[in-house]
Amino acid sequence: MSSKKLKGIIIPLVTPFDKDEKIHKTLLRDLTKFMISQGPDYLMATALTGEGPLLDFNETVEVWQEVFAAAKGHIEVIPAIISTRTETAIKLAKIAYDMGAPALMVAPIVPELYAARSHQDVFQFYADVAAATPLELILFNYPSLTGVDLTPPFVARLSKIETVSYIKESTGDSRRVHAIQRLCDPSFKVICGNPNAAFESIALGCDTWITGIMNVAPKSSIAMMEAIVKHGDLKAARDIYDQHLLPIVDAMEKSNNPTGTIKAGLRARGVNVGIPRRPGTDLNADEMNSLKTLVDKIIDAEKQFSDSRIA
């Protein structure tokens, strides 16, 4: 377990499946090695980009084992837990700790049971998971998935749990960044979690970023963040954002198929990760051709970045 604060680029890996929809271990290891070569600060396994909600307990552990093994000695891996049950989340948290994770991203899926879930249900979920290990926790705010919105006042309450140290803010509302910063202790960090609001969120103080499009444009993501955080060069950052990253977001929105688009984008880069697990689907031929043209431009443009870092 690492004691340093998370900072930089955290790439949430996709999960490759074989034709029988089983985890493809070889492709997963190859993907991990490819991403390490791109220069991120951390990798994340079994998040939403990794189709975490579609994995059962054993599959989640299986993915972690493969990614940790491939990353050993090169980069730290942050597991993600997206669970409907506190008991399951606690068991997985203990396994993540035993594997040597530096931190853990956790989200409860709290479907309505007769009436809306209370904030106390969610608070207790996080309190119970936090008590299970000394790992620092990343809250994950994605209301359409979890069924609960971690509003700034609620985040301030959750941040009082001893090991709750971060929030991946994925609503796309950059106003949440400074609202949370004003309400919480300075040691509590907001992580940018949405590509649509990345430029402004990083400029507002998010020095950590997690988003699925990094799989398709890893060096561009690193370069944009460093342009803002390290160099204060908003123009360079805006150029990268407009030309390399937002077009991927546009492609995801046009296809209405984020996971399919990200996996197809990786295949367009020559990294075979298969297609989404059903009921997810692949892109159609026209969508794939358009994406391939975009990815080729990104690959060519990324050659300007030295050692995965902006010069």
C-alpha atoms as a PDB file:
ATOM      1  CA  MET A   1       0.000   0.000   0.000  1.00  0.00           C
ATOM      2  CA  SER A   2       1.330   3.413  -1.003  1.00  0.00           C
ATOM      3  CA  SER A   3       1.153   6.358   1.398  1.00  0.00           C
ATOM      4  CA  LYS A   4       1.626   9.066  -1.240  1.00  0.00           C
ATOM      5  CA  LYS A   5      -1.338  11.047  -2.527  1.00  0.00           C
ATOM      6  CA  LEU A   6      -2.682  10.074  -5.918  1.00  0.00           C
ATOM      7  CA  LYS A   7      -1.795  12.513  -8.669  1.00  0.00           C
ATOM      8  CA  GLY A   8      -1.747  12.478 -12.444  1.00  0.00           C
ATOM      9  CA  ILE A   9      -3.303  10.219 -15.040  1.00  0.00           C
ATOM     10  CA  ILE A  10      -5.154   7.049 -14.010  1.00  0.00           C
ATOM     11  CA  ILE A  11      -6.224   4.979 -17.016  1.00  0.00           C
ATOM     12  CA  PRO A  12      -9.307   2.798 -16.379  1.00  0.00           C
ATOM     13  CA  LEU A  13      -8.652  -0.345 -18.401  1.00  0.00           C
ATOM     14  CA  VAL A  14     -11.269  -2.072 -20.515  1.00  0.00           C
ATOM     15  CA  THR A  15     -11.820  -5.787 -19.896  1.00  0.00           C
ATOM     16  CA  PRO A  16     -11.220  -8.055 -22.919  1.00  0.00           C
ATOM     17  CA  PHE A  17     -13.521 -11.044 -23.371  1.00  0.00           C
ATOM     18  CA  ASP A  18     -13.193 -14.064 -25.636  1.00  0.00           C
ATOM     19  CA  LYS A  19     -15.888 -15.356 -28.004  1.00  0.00           C
ATOM     20  CA  ASP A  20     -17.578 -17.138 -25.101  1.00  0.00           C
ATOM     21  CA  GLU A  21     -17.606 -13.900 -23.062  1.00  0.00           C
ATOM     22  CA  LYS A  22     -15.008 -15.205 -20.643  1.00  0.00           C
ATOM     23  CA  ILE A  23     -12.165 -12.957 -19.527  1.00  0.00           C
ATOM     24  CA  HIS A  24      -9.379 -13.141 -22.087  1.00  0.00           C
ATOM     25  CA  LYS A  25      -6.308 -13.246 -19.864  1.00  0.00           C
ATOM     26  CA  THR A  26      -3.728 -12.963 -22.628  1.00  0.00           C
ATOM     27  CA  LEU A  27      -5.349  -9.887 -24.160  1.00  0.00           C
ATOM     28  CA  LEU A  28      -5.775  -8.343 -20.724  1.00  0.00           C
ATOM     29  CA  ARG A  29      -2.084  -8.715 -19.975  1.00  0.00           C
ATOM     30  CA  ASP A  30      -1.168  -7.355 -23.406  1.00  0.00           C
ATOM     31  CA  LEU A  31      -3.447  -4.353 -22.835  1.00  0.00           C
ATOM     32  CA  THR A  32      -1.880  -3.704 -19.432  1.00  0.00           C
ATOM     33  CA  LYS A  33       1.619  -3.748 -20.918  1.00  0.00           C
ATOM     34  CA  PHE A  34       0.566  -1.439 -23.763  1.00  0.00           C
ATOM     35  CA  MET A  35      -0.913   1.076 -21.352  1.00  0.00           C
ATOM     36  CA  ILE A  36       2.182   1.008 -19.164  1.00  0.00           C
ATOM     37  CA  SER A  37       4.219   1.898 -22.258  1.00  0.00           C
ATOM     38  CA  GLN A  38       2.120   5.031 -22.760  1.00  0.00           C
ATOM     39  CA  GLY A  39       3.305   6.601 -19.505  1.00  0.00           C
ATOM     40  CA  PRO A  40       0.335   6.982 -17.138  1.00  0.00           C
ATOM     41  CA  ASP A  41       0.777   7.376 -13.385  1.00  0.00           C
ATOM     42  CA  TYR A  42      -1.592   4.542 -12.410  1.00  0.00           C
ATOM     43  CA  LEU A  43      -3.913   1.966 -13.955  1.00  0.00           C
ATOM     44  CA  MET A  44      -7.407   1.149 -12.740  1.00  0.00           C
ATOM     45  CA  ALA A  45      -9.140  -2.213 -13.145  1.00  0.00           C
ATOM     46  CA  THR A  46     -12.851  -3.160 -13.201  1.00  0.00           C
ATOM     47  CA  ALA A  47     -14.217   0.388 -13.242  1.00  0.00           C
ATOM     48  CA  LEU A  48     -17.211   1.306 -15.386  1.00  0.00           C
ATOM     49  CA  THR A  49     -14.944   1.421 -18.457  1.00  0.00           C
ATOM     50  CA  GLY A  50     -13.871  -2.106 -17.537  1.00  0.00           C
ATOM     51  CA  GLU A  51     -17.509  -3.253 -17.457  1.00  0.00           C
ATOM     52  CA  GLY A  52     -17.135  -3.790 -13.730  1.00  0.00           C
ATOM     53  CA  PRO A  53     -20.899  -3.990 -13.051  1.00  0.00           C
ATOM     54  CA  LEU A  54     -21.098  -6.918 -15.520  1.00  0.00           C
ATOM     55  CA  LEU A  55     -18.445  -8.965 -13.696  1.00  0.00           C
ATOM     56  CA  ASP A  56     -19.242 -11.358 -10.895  1.00  0.00           C
ATOM     57  CA  PHE A  57     -17.114 -11.630  -7.754  1.00  0.00           C
ATOM     58  CA  ASN A  58     -14.715 -14.256  -9.081  1.00  0.00           C
ATOM     59  CA  GLU A  59     -14.324 -12.495 -12.424  1.00  0.00           C
ATOM     60  CA  THR A  60     -13.499  -9.222 -10.677  1.00  0.00           C
ATOM     61  CA  VAL A  61     -10.735 -10.918  -8.700  1.00  0.00           C
ATOM     62  CA  GLU A  62      -9.525 -12.694 -11.837  1.00  0.00           C
ATOM     63  CA  VAL A  63      -9.133  -9.364 -13.667  1.00  0.00           C
ATOM     64  CA  TRP A  64      -7.260  -7.875 -10.720  1.00  0.00           C
ATOM     65  CA  GLN A  65      -4.895 -10.829 -10.557  1.00  0.00           C
ATOM     66  CA  GLU A  66      -3.992 -10.535 -14.236  1.00  0.00           C
ATOM     67  CA  VAL A  67      -3.536  -6.760 -14.205  1.00  0.00           C
ATOM     68  CA  PHE A  68      -1.502  -6.757 -10.984  1.00  0.00           C
ATOM     69  CA  ALA A  69       0.735  -9.517 -12.347  1.00  0.00           C
ATOM     70  CA  ALA A  70       1.347  -7.701 -15.641  1.00  0.00           C
ATOM     71  CA  ALA A  71       1.935  -4.364 -13.897  1.00  0.00           C
ATOM     72  CA  LYS A  72       4.199  -5.647 -11.120  1.00  0.00           C
ATOM     73  CA  GLY A  73       7.409  -3.666 -10.905  1.00  0.00           C
ATOM     74  CA  HIS A  74       6.178  -1.079 -13.405  1.00  0.00           C
ATOM     75  CA  ILE A  75       3.100   0.763 -12.156  1.00  0.00           C
ATOM     76  CA  GLU A  76       0.569   0.657  -9.310  1.00  0.00           C
ATOM     77  CA  VAL A  77      -2.966  -0.591  -9.922  1.00  0.00           C
ATOM     78  CA  ILE A  78      -6.078   0.836  -8.277  1.00  0.00           C
ATOM     79  CA  PRO A  79      -8.980  -1.644  -8.225  1.00  0.00           C
ATOM     80  CA  ALA A  80     -12.558  -0.434  -8.562  1.00  0.00           C
ATOM     81  CA  ILE A  81     -15.520  -1.948  -6.746  1.00  0.00           C
ATOM     82  CA  ILE A  82     -19.041  -1.280  -7.997  1.00  0.00           C
ATOM     83  CA  SER A  83     -21.374  -3.371  -5.876  1.00  0.00           C
ATOM     84  CA  THR A  84     -24.988  -3.703  -4.822  1.00  0.00           C
ATOM     85  CA  ARG A  85     -24.020  -5.323  -1.513  1.00  0.00           C
ATOM     86  CA  THR A  86     -21.867  -4.051   1.308  1.00  0.00           C
ATOM     87  CA  GLU A  87     -20.709  -7.570   2.191  1.00  0.00           C
ATOM     88  CA  THR A  88     -19.362  -8.116  -1.327  1.00  0.00           C
ATOM     89  CA  ALA A  89     -17.615  -4.736  -1.350  1.00  0.00           C
ATOM     90  CA  ILE A  90     -15.925  -5.492   1.975  1.00  0.00           C
ATOM     91  CA  LYS A  91     -14.650  -8.886   0.771  1.00  0.00           C
ATOM     92  CA  LEU A  92     -13.267  -7.331  -2.396  1.00  0.00           C
ATOM     93  CA  ALA A  93     -11.691  -4.449  -0.464  1.00  0.00           C
ATOM     94  CA  LYS A  94      -9.776  -6.923   1.696  1.00  0.00           C
ATOM     95  CA  ILE A  95      -8.547  -8.763  -1.394  1.00  0.00           C
ATOM     96  CA  ALA A  96      -7.423  -5.474  -2.963  1.00  0.00           C
ATOM     97  CA  TYR A  97      -5.505  -4.629   0.199  1.00  0.00           C
ATOM     98  CA  ASP A  98      -3.818  -8.035   0.231  1.00  0.00           C
ATOM     99  CA  MET A  99      -2.784  -7.519  -3.399  1.00  0.00           C
ATOM    100  CA  GLY A 100      -0.975  -4.312  -2.476  1.00  0.00           C
ATOM    101  CA  ALA A 101      -3.313  -1.733  -3.992  1.00  0.00           C
ATOM    102  CA  PRO A 102      -2.375   1.899  -3.210  1.00  0.00           C
ATOM    103  CA  ALA A 103      -6.033   2.955  -3.007  1.00  0.00           C
ATOM    104  CA  LEU A 104      -9.496   1.758  -3.944  1.00  0.00           C
ATOM    105  CA  MET A 105     -12.371   3.298  -5.879  1.00  0.00           C
ATOM    106  CA  VAL A 106     -15.753   2.231  -4.526  1.00  0.00           C
ATOM    107  CA  ALA A 107     -19.349   2.882  -5.521  1.00  0.00           C
ATOM    108  CA  PRO A 108     -22.575   1.373  -4.221  1.00  0.00           C
ATOM    109  CA  ILE A 109     -25.337   0.634  -6.682  1.00  0.00           C
ATOM    110  CA  VAL A 110     -28.407   1.489  -4.629  1.00  0.00           C
ATOM    111  CA  PRO A 111     -31.523   0.662  -6.646  1.00  0.00           C
ATOM    112  CA  GLU A 112     -34.804   1.885  -5.307  1.00  0.00           C
ATOM    113  CA  LEU A 113     -36.460  -0.489  -2.863  1.00  0.00           C
ATOM    114  CA  TYR A 114     -40.086   0.690  -2.594  1.00  0.00           C
ATOM    115  CA  ALA A 115     -38.860   4.257  -2.103  1.00  0.00           C
ATOM    116  CA  ALA A 116     -35.679   6.229  -2.664  1.00  0.00           C
ATOM    117  CA  ARG A 117     -32.594   5.159  -0.749  1.00  0.00           C
ATOM    118  CA  SER A 118     -31.520   7.483   2.043  1.00  0.00           C
ATOM    119  CA  HIS A 119     -28.135   9.159   2.277  1.00  0.00           C
ATOM    120  CA  GLN A 120     -27.636   7.213   5.481  1.00  0.00           C
ATOM    121  CA  ASP A 121     -27.658   3.948   3.498  1.00  0.00           C
ATOM    122  CA  VAL A 122     -24.863   5.255   1.288  1.00  0.00           C
ATOM    123  CA  PHE A 123     -22.919   6.764   4.192  1.00  0.00           C
ATOM    124  CA  GLN A 124     -23.042   3.463   6.072  1.00  0.00           C
ATOM    125  CA  PHE A 125     -21.905   1.573   2.978  1.00  0.00           C
ATOM    126  CA  TYR A 126     -18.796   3.719   2.715  1.00  0.00           C
ATOM    127  CA  ALA A 127     -18.188   3.641   6.473  1.00  0.00           C
ATOM    128  CA  ASP A 128     -18.331  -0.148   6.514  1.00  0.00           C
ATOM    129  CA  VAL A 129     -16.020  -0.549   3.511  1.00  0.00           C
ATOM    130  CA  ALA A 130     -13.601   2.022   4.937  1.00  0.00           C
ATOM    131  CA  ALA A 131     -13.441   0.117   8.235  1.00  0.00           C
ATOM    132  CA  ALA A 132     -12.440  -3.101   6.469  1.00  0.00           C
ATOM    133  CA  THR A 133      -8.941  -1.975   5.388  1.00  0.00           C
ATOM    134  CA  PRO A 134      -6.586   1.003   5.821  1.00  0.00           C
ATOM    135  CA  LEU A 135      -6.773   1.749   2.075  1.00  0.00           C
ATOM    136  CA  GLU A 136      -7.674   5.291   1.071  1.00  0.00           C
ATOM    137  CA  LEU A 137     -11.015   5.339  -0.728  1.00  0.00           C
ATOM    138  CA  ILE A 138     -12.093   7.167  -3.859  1.00  0.00           C
ATOM    139  CA  LEU A 139     -15.801   7.955  -3.946  1.00  0.00           C
ATOM    140  CA  PHE A 140     -17.326   7.513  -7.404  1.00  0.00           C
ATOM    141  CA  ASN A 141     -20.110   9.923  -8.298  1.00  0.00           C
ATOM    142  CA  TYR A 142     -22.030   8.608 -11.303  1.00  0.00           C
ATOM    143  CA  PRO A 143     -25.709   9.008 -10.395  1.00  0.00           C
ATOM    144  CA  SER A 144     -27.174   7.340 -13.504  1.00  0.00           C
ATOM    145  CA  LEU A 145     -25.297   4.160 -12.574  1.00  0.00           C
ATOM    146  CA  THR A 146     -25.484   4.155  -8.787  1.00  0.00           C
ATOM    147  CA  GLY A 147     -28.897   5.725  -8.190  1.00  0.00           C
ATOM    148  CA  VAL A 148     -27.525   8.345  -5.806  1.00  0.00           C
ATOM    149  CA  ASP A 149     -25.983  11.760  -6.419  1.00  0.00           C
ATOM    150  CA  LEU A 150     -23.031  12.582  -4.180  1.00  0.00           C
ATOM    151  CA  THR A 151     -23.797  16.294  -3.938  1.00  0.00           C
ATOM    152  CA  PRO A 152     -21.144  18.639  -2.501  1.00  0.00           C
ATOM    153  CA  PRO A 153     -22.784  18.814   0.975  1.00  0.00           C
ATOM    154  CA  PHE A 154     -23.081  15.022   1.060  1.00  0.00           C
ATOM    155  CA  VAL A 155     -19.464  14.649  -0.078  1.00  0.00           C
ATOM    156  CA  ALA A 156     -18.429  16.923   2.796  1.00  0.00           C
ATOM    157  CA  ARG A 157     -20.184  14.544   5.180  1.00  0.00           C
ATOM    158  CA  LEU A 158     -18.632  11.456   3.566  1.00  0.00           C
ATOM    159  CA  SER A 159     -15.185  13.036   3.705  1.00  0.00           C
ATOM    160  CA  LYS A 160     -15.362  12.848   7.502  1.00  0.00           C
ATOM    161  CA  ILE A 161     -14.923   9.069   7.222  1.00  0.00           C
ATOM    162  CA  GLU A 162     -11.248   8.646   8.059  1.00  0.00           C
ATOM    163  CA  THR A 163      -9.972   6.994   4.870  1.00  0.00           C
ATOM    164  CA  VAL A 164     -12.333   8.649   2.381  1.00  0.00           C
ATOM    165  CA  SER A 165      -9.780  10.857   0.649  1.00  0.00           C
ATOM    166  CA  TYR A 166     -10.964  11.469  -2.929  1.00  0.00           C
ATOM    167  CA  ILE A 167     -13.994  11.707  -5.168  1.00  0.00           C
ATOM    168  CA  LYS A 168     -14.087  10.880  -8.854  1.00  0.00           C
ATOM    169  CA  GLU A 169     -16.600  13.522  -9.907  1.00  0.00           C
ATOM    170  CA  SER A 170     -18.250  12.272 -13.095  1.00  0.00           C
ATOM    171  CA  THR A 171     -21.423  14.331 -13.444  1.00  0.00           C
ATOM    172  CA  GLY A 172     -19.817  16.656 -15.992  1.00  0.00           C
ATOM    173  CA  ASP A 173     -20.678  19.734 -13.921  1.00  0.00           C
ATOM    174  CA  SER A 174     -17.360  21.489 -13.322  1.00  0.00           C
ATOM    175  CA  ARG A 175     -19.006  23.694 -10.682  1.00  0.00           C
ATOM    176  CA  ARG A 176     -18.909  20.646  -8.441  1.00  0.00           C
ATOM    177  CA  VAL A 177     -15.105  20.931  -8.298  1.00  0.00           C
ATOM    178  CA  HIS A 178     -14.914  24.247  -6.493  1.00  0.00           C
ATOM    179  CA  ALA A 179     -18.109  23.549  -4.521  1.00  0.00           C
ATOM    180  CA  ILE A 180     -16.532  20.423  -3.035  1.00  0.00           C
ATOM    181  CA  GLN A 181     -13.170  22.121  -2.548  1.00  0.00           C
ATOM    182  CA  ARG A 182     -14.814  24.897  -0.535  1.00  0.00           C
ATOM    183  CA  LEU A 183     -16.716  22.503   1.724  1.00  0.00           C
ATOM    184  CA  CYS A 184     -14.036  19.899   2.420  1.00  0.00           C
ATOM    185  CA  ASP A 185     -10.667  19.875   4.115  1.00  0.00           C
ATOM    186  CA  PRO A 186      -7.831  20.810   1.704  1.00  0.00           C
ATOM    187  CA  SER A 187      -6.451  17.275   2.019  1.00  0.00           C
ATOM    188  CA  PHE A 188      -9.588  15.908   0.329  1.00  0.00           C
ATOM    189  CA  LYS A 189      -9.075  15.836  -3.441  1.00  0.00           C
ATOM    190  CA  VAL A 190     -11.495  16.050  -6.342  1.00  0.00           C
ATOM    191  CA  ILE A 191     -10.536  13.798  -9.261  1.00  0.00           C
ATOM    192  CA  CYS A 192     -11.806  14.770 -12.686  1.00  0.00           C
ATOM    193  CA  GLY A 193     -13.940  11.905 -13.930  1.00  0.00           C
ATOM    194  CA  ASN A 194     -15.713  13.228 -17.005  1.00  0.00           C
ATOM    195  CA  PRO A 195     -14.158  13.989 -20.413  1.00  0.00           C
ATOM    196  CA  ASN A 196     -16.764  16.649 -21.226  1.00  0.00           C
ATOM    197  CA  ALA A 197     -15.604  18.878 -18.369  1.00  0.00           C
ATOM    198  CA  ALA A 198     -11.959  17.844 -18.155  1.00  0.00           C
ATOM    199  CA  PHE A 199     -10.329  21.056 -19.363  1.00  0.00           C
ATOM    200  CA  GLU A 200     -12.127  23.310 -16.898  1.00  0.00           C
ATOM    201  CA  SER A 201     -12.007  20.775 -14.038  1.00  0.00           C
ATOM    202  CA  ILE A 202      -8.236  20.431 -14.275  1.00  0.00           C
ATOM    203  CA  ALA A 203      -7.892  24.211 -14.520  1.00  0.00           C
ATOM    204  CA  LEU A 204      -9.979  24.468 -11.330  1.00  0.00           C
ATOM    205  CA  GLY A 205      -7.488  22.356  -9.427  1.00  0.00           C
ATOM    206  CA  CYS A 206      -8.052  18.674 -10.256  1.00  0.00           C
ATOM    207  CA  ASP A 207      -4.509  17.325 -10.539  1.00  0.00           C
ATOM    208  CA  THR A 208      -5.763  13.754 -11.007  1.00  0.00           C
ATOM    209  CA  TRP A 209      -7.858  12.546 -13.922  1.00  0.00           C
ATOM    210  CA  ILE A 210      -9.644   9.252 -14.686  1.00  0.00           C
ATOM    211  CA  THR A 211     -11.703   8.743 -17.839  1.00  0.00           C
ATOM    212  CA  GLY A 212     -12.318   5.972 -20.372  1.00  0.00           C
ATOM    213  CA  ILE A 213     -11.182   7.903 -23.462  1.00  0.00           C
ATOM    214  CA  MET A 214      -7.608   7.675 -22.144  1.00  0.00           C
ATOM    215  CA  ASN A 215      -7.575   4.130 -23.541  1.00  0.00           C
ATOM    216  CA  VAL A 216      -7.855   5.590 -27.037  1.00  0.00           C
ATOM    217  CA  ALA A 217      -5.676   8.704 -26.597  1.00  0.00           C
ATOM    218  CA  PRO A 218      -3.387   8.055 -23.608  1.00  0.00           C
ATOM    219  CA  LYS A 219      -0.497  10.332 -24.565  1.00  0.00           C
ATOM    220  CA  SER A 220      -2.853  13.139 -25.550  1.00  0.00           C
ATOM    221  CA  SER A 221      -4.537  12.909 -22.144  1.00  0.00           C
ATOM    222  CA  ILE A 222      -1.185  13.058 -20.360  1.00  0.00           C
ATOM    223  CA  ALA A 223      -0.013  15.976 -22.483  1.00  0.00           C
ATOM    224  CA  MET A 224      -3.191  17.994 -21.931  1.00  0.00           C
ATOM    225  CA  MET A 225      -3.013  17.573 -18.182  1.00  0.00           C
ATOM    226  CA  GLU A 226       0.663  18.450 -18.018  1.00  0.00           C
ATOM    227  CA  ALA A 227       0.108  21.515 -20.208  1.00  0.00           C
ATOM    228  CA  ILE A 228      -2.289  22.850 -17.570  1.00  0.00           C
ATOM    229  CA  VAL A 229      -0.845  21.543 -14.291  1.00  0.00           C
ATOM    230  CA  LYS A 230       2.883  21.734 -14.978  1.00  0.00           C
ATOM    231  CA  HIS A 231       3.214  24.467 -17.604  1.00  0.00           C
ATOM    232  CA  GLY A 232       0.112  26.625 -17.177  1.00  0.00           C
ATOM    233  CA  ASP A 233      -0.233  26.618 -20.961  1.00  0.00           C
ATOM    234  CA  LEU A 234      -3.981  26.761 -21.467  1.00  0.00           C
ATOM    235  CA  LYS A 235      -3.709  27.297 -25.214  1.00  0.00           C
ATOM    236  CA  ALA A 236      -1.649  24.146 -25.750  1.00  0.00           C
ATOM    237  CA  ALA A 237      -4.023  22.223 -23.510  1.00  0.00           C
ATOM    238  CA  ARG A 238      -7.066  23.548 -25.333  1.00  0.00           C
ATOM    239  CA  ASP A 239      -5.599  22.566 -28.707  1.00  0.00           C
ATOM    240  CA  ILE A 240      -5.031  18.998 -27.500  1.00  0.00           C
ATOM    241  CA  TYR A 241      -8.494  18.868 -25.961  1.00  0.00           C
ATOM    242  CA  ASP A 242     -10.252  20.176 -29.069  1.00  0.00           C
ATOM    243  CA  GLN A 243      -8.286  18.199 -31.640  1.00  0.00           C
ATOM    244  CA  HIS A 244      -7.556  14.881 -29.938  1.00  0.00           C
ATOM    245  CA  LEU A 245      -9.928  14.227 -27.037  1.00  0.00           C
ATOM    246  CA  LEU A 246     -13.309  15.849 -27.614  1.00  0.00           C
ATOM    247  CA  PRO A 247     -13.657  14.169 -31.045  1.00  0.00           C
ATOM    248  CA  ILE A 248     -13.590  10.811 -29.216  1.00  0.00           C
ATOM    249  CA  VAL A 249     -16.341  12.071 -26.920  1.00  0.00           C
ATOM    250  CA  ASP A 250     -18.305  13.139 -29.994  1.00  0.00           C
ATOM    251  CA  ALA A 251     -17.907   9.648 -31.469  1.00  0.00           C
ATOM    252  CA  MET A 252     -19.168   8.026 -28.244  1.00  0.00           C
ATOM    253  CA  GLU A 253     -22.169  10.327 -28.136  1.00  0.00           C
ATOM    254  CA  LYS A 254     -22.964   9.801 -31.818  1.00  0.00           C
ATOM    255  CA  SER A 255     -22.885   6.001 -31.490  1.00  0.00           C
ATOM    256  CA  ASN A 256     -24.552   6.093 -28.048  1.00  0.00           C
ATOM    257  CA  ASN A 257     -22.147   3.262 -27.289  1.00  0.00           C
ATOM    258  CA  PRO A 258     -19.274   4.435 -25.043  1.00  0.00           C
ATOM    259  CA  THR A 259     -17.816   1.017 -24.201  1.00  0.00           C
ATOM    260  CA  GLY A 260     -18.096  -0.205 -27.784  1.00  0.00           C
ATOM    261  CA  THR A 261     -16.410   2.981 -29.018  1.00  0.00           C
ATOM    262  CA  ILE A 262     -13.527   2.743 -26.548  1.00  0.00           C
ATOM    263  CA  LYS A 263     -12.889  -0.911 -27.333  1.00  0.00           C
ATOM    264  CA  ALA A 264     -13.120  -0.216 -31.066  1.00  0.00           C
ATOM    265  CA  GLY A 265     -10.707   2.697 -30.624  1.00  0.00           C
ATOM    266  CA  LEU A 266      -8.167   0.393 -29.004  1.00  0.00           C
ATOM    267  CA  ARG A 267      -8.527  -2.105 -31.838  1.00  0.00           C
ATOM    268  CA  ALA A 268      -7.962   0.783 -34.266  1.00  0.00           C
ATOM    269  CA  ARG A 269      -4.678   1.376 -32.417  1.00  0.00           C
ATOM    270  CA  GLY A 270      -3.730  -2.255 -33.014  1.00  0.00           C
ATOM    271  CA  VAL A 271      -4.544  -3.370 -29.460  1.00  0.00           C
ATOM    272  CA  ASN A 272      -7.017  -6.253 -29.621  1.00  0.00           C
ATOM    273  CA  VAL A 273      -9.462  -6.091 -26.717  1.00  0.00           C
ATOM    274  CA  GLY A 274     -12.485  -7.668 -28.370  1.00  0.00           C
ATOM    275  CA  ILE A 275     -15.970  -6.248 -28.065  1.00  0.00           C
ATOM    276  CA  PRO A 276     -18.248  -5.470 -25.103  1.00  0.00           C
ATOM    277  CA  ARG A 277     -19.917  -8.204 -23.107  1.00  0.00           C
ATOM    278  CA  ARG A 278     -23.571  -8.587 -24.028  1.00  0.00           C
ATOM    279  CA  PRO A 279     -25.928  -6.795 -23.936  1.00  0.00           C
ATOM    280  CA  GLY A 280     -23.186  -4.418 -25.093  1.00  0.00           C
ATOM    281  CA  THR A 281     -22.453  -4.342 -28.819  1.00  0.00           C
ATOM    282  CA  ASP A 282     -19.657  -3.456 -31.218  1.00  0.00           C
ATOM    283  CA  LEU A 283     -19.706  -0.460 -33.557  1.00  0.00           C
ATOM    284  CA  ASN A 284     -21.178  -0.908 -37.028  1.00  0.00           C
ATOM    285  CA  ALA A 285     -18.941  -0.717 -40.103  1.00  0.00           C
ATOM    286  CA  ASP A 286     -19.571   2.973 -40.825  1.00  0.00           C
ATOM    287  CA  GLU A 287     -18.916   3.934 -37.195  1.00  0.00           C
ATOM    288  CA  MET A 288     -15.745   1.863 -37.162  1.00  0.00           C
ATOM    289  CA  ASN A 289     -14.431   3.448 -40.357  1.00  0.00           C
ATOM    290  CA  SER A 290     -15.017   6.953 -39.022  1.00  0.00           C
ATOM    291  CA  LEU A 291     -13.369   6.080 -35.721  1.00  0.00           C
ATOM    292  CA  LYS A 292     -10.356   4.532 -37.468  1.00  0.00           C
ATOM    293  CA  THR A 293      -9.795   7.773 -39.381  1.00  0.00           C
ATOM    294  CA  LEU A 294      -9.929   9.736 -36.119  1.00  0.00           C
ATOM    295  CA  VAL A 295      -7.613   7.338 -34.268  1.00  0.00           C
ATOM    296  CA  ASP A 296      -5.060   7.430 -37.081  1.00  0.00           C
ATOM    297  CA  LYS A 297      -4.946  11.226 -36.738  1.00  0.00           C
ATOM    298  CA  ILE A 298      -4.509  10.956 -32.972  1.00  0.00           C
ATOM    299  CA  ILE A 299      -1.676   8.422 -33.294  1.00  0.00           C
ATOM    300  CA  ASP A 300       0.098  10.653 -35.785  1.00  0.00           C
ATOM    301  CA  ALA A 301      -0.375  13.742 -33.592  1.00  0.00           C
ATOM    302  CA  GLU A 302       0.844  11.927 -30.470  1.00  0.00           C
ATOM    303  CA  LYS A 303       4.263  11.451 -32.071  1.00  0.00           C
ATOM    304  CA  GLN A 304       5.020  15.048 -31.054  1.00  0.00           C
ATOM    305  CA  PHE A 305       4.874  14.109 -27.379  1.00  0.00           C
ATOM    306  CA  SER A 306       8.238  13.040 -26.015  1.00  0.00           C
ATOM    307  CA  ASP A 307       8.290  10.089 -23.616  1.00  0.00           C
ATOM    308  CA  SER A 308       4.535  10.371 -23.174  1.00  0.00           C
ATOM    309  CA  ARG A 309       5.076  13.834 -21.654  1.00  0.00           C
ATOM    310  CA  ILE A 310       4.681  17.242 -23.231  1.00  0.00           C
ATOM    311  CA  ALA A 311       8.055  18.847 -23.979  1.00  0.00           C
END
